[in-house]
Amino acid sequence: MDKLNNAMKDIANLKNEDKVNIKGKFYTTVDTRVHAFRKHFGVDGCITTNIAFQDDTQVVVNATVSVYVDGEMRVIGTDSAEEFRGDGFINKTSAVENC
């Protein structure tokens, strides 16, 4: 899992000016995290997402990250996100993308 450790080190070593400041806390954007993942895994990694639920008020998306190890793809993480349409500026038009 050297590739994963190296990707995580890249993210951990980012300076705050390369992150987004949200209410005084610094966050690494999804774009930056995906870029680090792709840099180290290339086609030996896979990120899949699916919309689990959406209606006029809510969106739920599930994500799974898998990597190629010992000749097979193995899941190394799963998570879900939930956004409410109209909750904040971004979700008025882009709740699915934000989720």
C-alpha atoms as a PDB file:
ATOM      1  CA  MET A   1       0.000   0.000   0.000  1.00  0.00           C
ATOM      2  CA  ASP A   2       2.922   2.335  -0.654  1.00  0.00           C
ATOM      3  CA  LYS A   3       0.892   4.075  -3.371  1.00  0.00           C
ATOM      4  CA  LEU A   4      -1.892   4.853  -0.914  1.00  0.00           C
ATOM      5  CA  ASN A   5       0.535   6.083   1.741  1.00  0.00           C
ATOM      6  CA  ASN A   6       2.267   8.304  -0.818  1.00  0.00           C
ATOM      7  CA  ALA A   7      -1.048   9.760  -1.992  1.00  0.00           C
ATOM      8  CA  MET A   8      -2.027  10.463   1.608  1.00  0.00           C
ATOM      9  CA  LYS A   9       1.360  12.096   2.272  1.00  0.00           C
ATOM     10  CA  ASP A  10       0.884  14.371  -0.746  1.00  0.00           C
ATOM     11  CA  ILE A  11      -2.404  15.567   0.703  1.00  0.00           C
ATOM     12  CA  ALA A  12      -1.094  15.848   4.275  1.00  0.00           C
ATOM     13  CA  ASN A  13       1.857  17.949   3.102  1.00  0.00           C
ATOM     14  CA  LEU A  14      -0.266  20.515   1.262  1.00  0.00           C
ATOM     15  CA  LYS A  15       0.169  24.057   2.496  1.00  0.00           C
ATOM     16  CA  ASN A  16      -2.916  25.887   3.721  1.00  0.00           C
ATOM     17  CA  GLU A  17      -2.748  28.241   0.732  1.00  0.00           C
ATOM     18  CA  ASP A  18      -3.424  25.180  -1.468  1.00  0.00           C
ATOM     19  CA  LYS A  19      -6.593  24.393   0.496  1.00  0.00           C
ATOM     20  CA  VAL A  20      -9.982  26.055   0.857  1.00  0.00           C
ATOM     21  CA  ASN A  21     -10.632  28.074   4.004  1.00  0.00           C
ATOM     22  CA  ILE A  22     -14.137  27.445   5.294  1.00  0.00           C
ATOM     23  CA  LYS A  23     -14.946  29.313   8.483  1.00  0.00           C
ATOM     24  CA  GLY A  24     -11.326  29.227   9.636  1.00  0.00           C
ATOM     25  CA  LYS A  25     -10.685  25.549   8.852  1.00  0.00           C
ATOM     26  CA  PHE A  26      -8.639  24.460   5.860  1.00  0.00           C
ATOM     27  CA  TYR A  27     -10.012  21.703   3.625  1.00  0.00           C
ATOM     28  CA  THR A  28      -8.495  19.844   0.705  1.00  0.00           C
ATOM     29  CA  THR A  29     -10.912  19.913  -2.225  1.00  0.00           C
ATOM     30  CA  VAL A  30     -12.209  16.712  -3.798  1.00  0.00           C
ATOM     31  CA  ASP A  31     -10.479  17.712  -7.029  1.00  0.00           C
ATOM     32  CA  THR A  32      -7.102  17.861  -5.258  1.00  0.00           C
ATOM     33  CA  ARG A  33      -7.680  14.544  -3.478  1.00  0.00           C
ATOM     34  CA  VAL A  34      -8.716  12.811  -6.716  1.00  0.00           C
ATOM     35  CA  HIS A  35      -5.666  14.267  -8.473  1.00  0.00           C
ATOM     36  CA  ALA A  36      -3.351  12.784  -5.783  1.00  0.00           C
ATOM     37  CA  PHE A  37      -5.147   9.436  -6.045  1.00  0.00           C
ATOM     38  CA  ARG A  38      -4.780   9.360  -9.842  1.00  0.00           C
ATOM     39  CA  LYS A  39      -1.136  10.497  -9.670  1.00  0.00           C
ATOM     40  CA  HIS A  40      -0.234   7.467  -7.559  1.00  0.00           C
ATOM     41  CA  PHE A  41      -2.690   4.829  -8.806  1.00  0.00           C
ATOM     42  CA  GLY A  42      -3.383   5.764 -12.421  1.00  0.00           C
ATOM     43  CA  VAL A  43      -5.619   3.046 -13.860  1.00  0.00           C
ATOM     44  CA  ASP A  44      -4.895   0.790 -10.872  1.00  0.00           C
ATOM     45  CA  GLY A  45      -7.503   2.685  -8.867  1.00  0.00           C
ATOM     46  CA  CYS A  46     -11.223   3.214  -9.241  1.00  0.00           C
ATOM     47  CA  ILE A  47     -13.645   5.699  -7.695  1.00  0.00           C
ATOM     48  CA  THR A  48     -17.302   4.909  -8.256  1.00  0.00           C
ATOM     49  CA  THR A  49     -20.292   6.958  -7.184  1.00  0.00           C
ATOM     50  CA  ASN A  50     -24.000   6.341  -7.396  1.00  0.00           C
ATOM     51  CA  ILE A  51     -27.012   8.396  -6.514  1.00  0.00           C
ATOM     52  CA  ALA A  52     -28.740   6.420  -3.779  1.00  0.00           C
ATOM     53  CA  PHE A  53     -31.644   8.835  -3.418  1.00  0.00           C
ATOM     54  CA  GLN A  54     -32.818  12.135  -4.784  1.00  0.00           C
ATOM     55  CA  ASP A  55     -36.012  14.099  -4.734  1.00  0.00           C
ATOM     56  CA  ASP A  56     -37.010  17.761  -4.737  1.00  0.00           C
ATOM     57  CA  THR A  57     -35.385  18.412  -1.352  1.00  0.00           C
ATOM     58  CA  GLN A  58     -32.573  15.907  -0.762  1.00  0.00           C
ATOM     59  CA  VAL A  59     -29.739  14.037  -2.506  1.00  0.00           C
ATOM     60  CA  VAL A  60     -27.744  11.067  -1.148  1.00  0.00           C
ATOM     61  CA  VAL A  61     -24.689   9.766  -2.998  1.00  0.00           C
ATOM     62  CA  ASN A  62     -22.577   6.707  -2.142  1.00  0.00           C
ATOM     63  CA  ALA A  63     -18.895   6.495  -3.138  1.00  0.00           C
ATOM     64  CA  THR A  64     -16.518   3.530  -3.213  1.00  0.00           C
ATOM     65  CA  VAL A  65     -12.748   3.640  -3.695  1.00  0.00           C
ATOM     66  CA  SER A  66     -11.013   0.495  -4.941  1.00  0.00           C
ATOM     67  CA  VAL A  67      -7.403  -0.274  -5.846  1.00  0.00           C
ATOM     68  CA  TYR A  68      -5.761  -3.062  -7.808  1.00  0.00           C
ATOM     69  CA  VAL A  69      -3.845  -5.340  -5.387  1.00  0.00           C
ATOM     70  CA  ASP A  70      -2.499  -8.842  -5.994  1.00  0.00           C
ATOM     71  CA  GLY A  71      -4.332  -9.194  -9.297  1.00  0.00           C
ATOM     72  CA  GLU A  72      -7.742  -7.960  -8.173  1.00  0.00           C
ATOM     73  CA  MET A  73      -9.618  -4.788  -7.364  1.00  0.00           C
ATOM     74  CA  ARG A  74     -10.119  -4.371  -3.617  1.00  0.00           C
ATOM     75  CA  VAL A  75     -12.395  -1.894  -1.888  1.00  0.00           C
ATOM     76  CA  ILE A  76     -10.397   0.323   0.456  1.00  0.00           C
ATOM     77  CA  GLY A  77     -13.135   2.740   1.427  1.00  0.00           C
ATOM     78  CA  THR A  78     -16.806   3.617   1.152  1.00  0.00           C
ATOM     79  CA  ASP A  79     -18.773   6.633   2.281  1.00  0.00           C
ATOM     80  CA  SER A  80     -21.976   8.559   1.707  1.00  0.00           C
ATOM     81  CA  ALA A  81     -22.837  12.213   1.368  1.00  0.00           C
ATOM     82  CA  GLU A  82     -26.132  14.013   1.837  1.00  0.00           C
ATOM     83  CA  GLU A  83     -27.087  17.449   0.591  1.00  0.00           C
ATOM     84  CA  PHE A  84     -30.309  19.407   0.761  1.00  0.00           C
ATOM     85  CA  ARG A  85     -31.436  21.356  -2.283  1.00  0.00           C
ATOM     86  CA  GLY A  86     -31.573  25.050  -1.564  1.00  0.00           C
ATOM     87  CA  ASP A  87     -29.337  24.752   1.521  1.00  0.00           C
ATOM     88  CA  GLY A  88     -26.715  27.380   0.742  1.00  0.00           C
ATOM     89  CA  PHE A  89     -25.768  29.030  -2.526  1.00  0.00           C
ATOM     90  CA  ILE A  90     -24.212  25.996  -4.258  1.00  0.00           C
ATOM     91  CA  ASN A  91     -27.009  23.537  -3.484  1.00  0.00           C
ATOM     92  CA  LYS A  92     -29.636  25.790  -5.089  1.00  0.00           C
ATOM     93  CA  THR A  93     -28.383  24.626  -8.489  1.00  0.00           C
ATOM     94  CA  SER A  94     -25.804  21.868  -7.869  1.00  0.00           C
ATOM     95  CA  ALA A  95     -26.809  19.632  -4.962  1.00  0.00           C
ATOM     96  CA  VAL A  96     -25.995  16.421  -6.885  1.00  0.00           C
ATOM     97  CA  GLU A  97     -22.570  17.656  -7.974  1.00  0.00           C
ATOM     98  CA  ASN A  98     -21.815  18.969  -4.487  1.00  0.00           C
ATOM     99  CA  CYS A  99     -22.851  15.670  -2.935  1.00  0.00           C
END
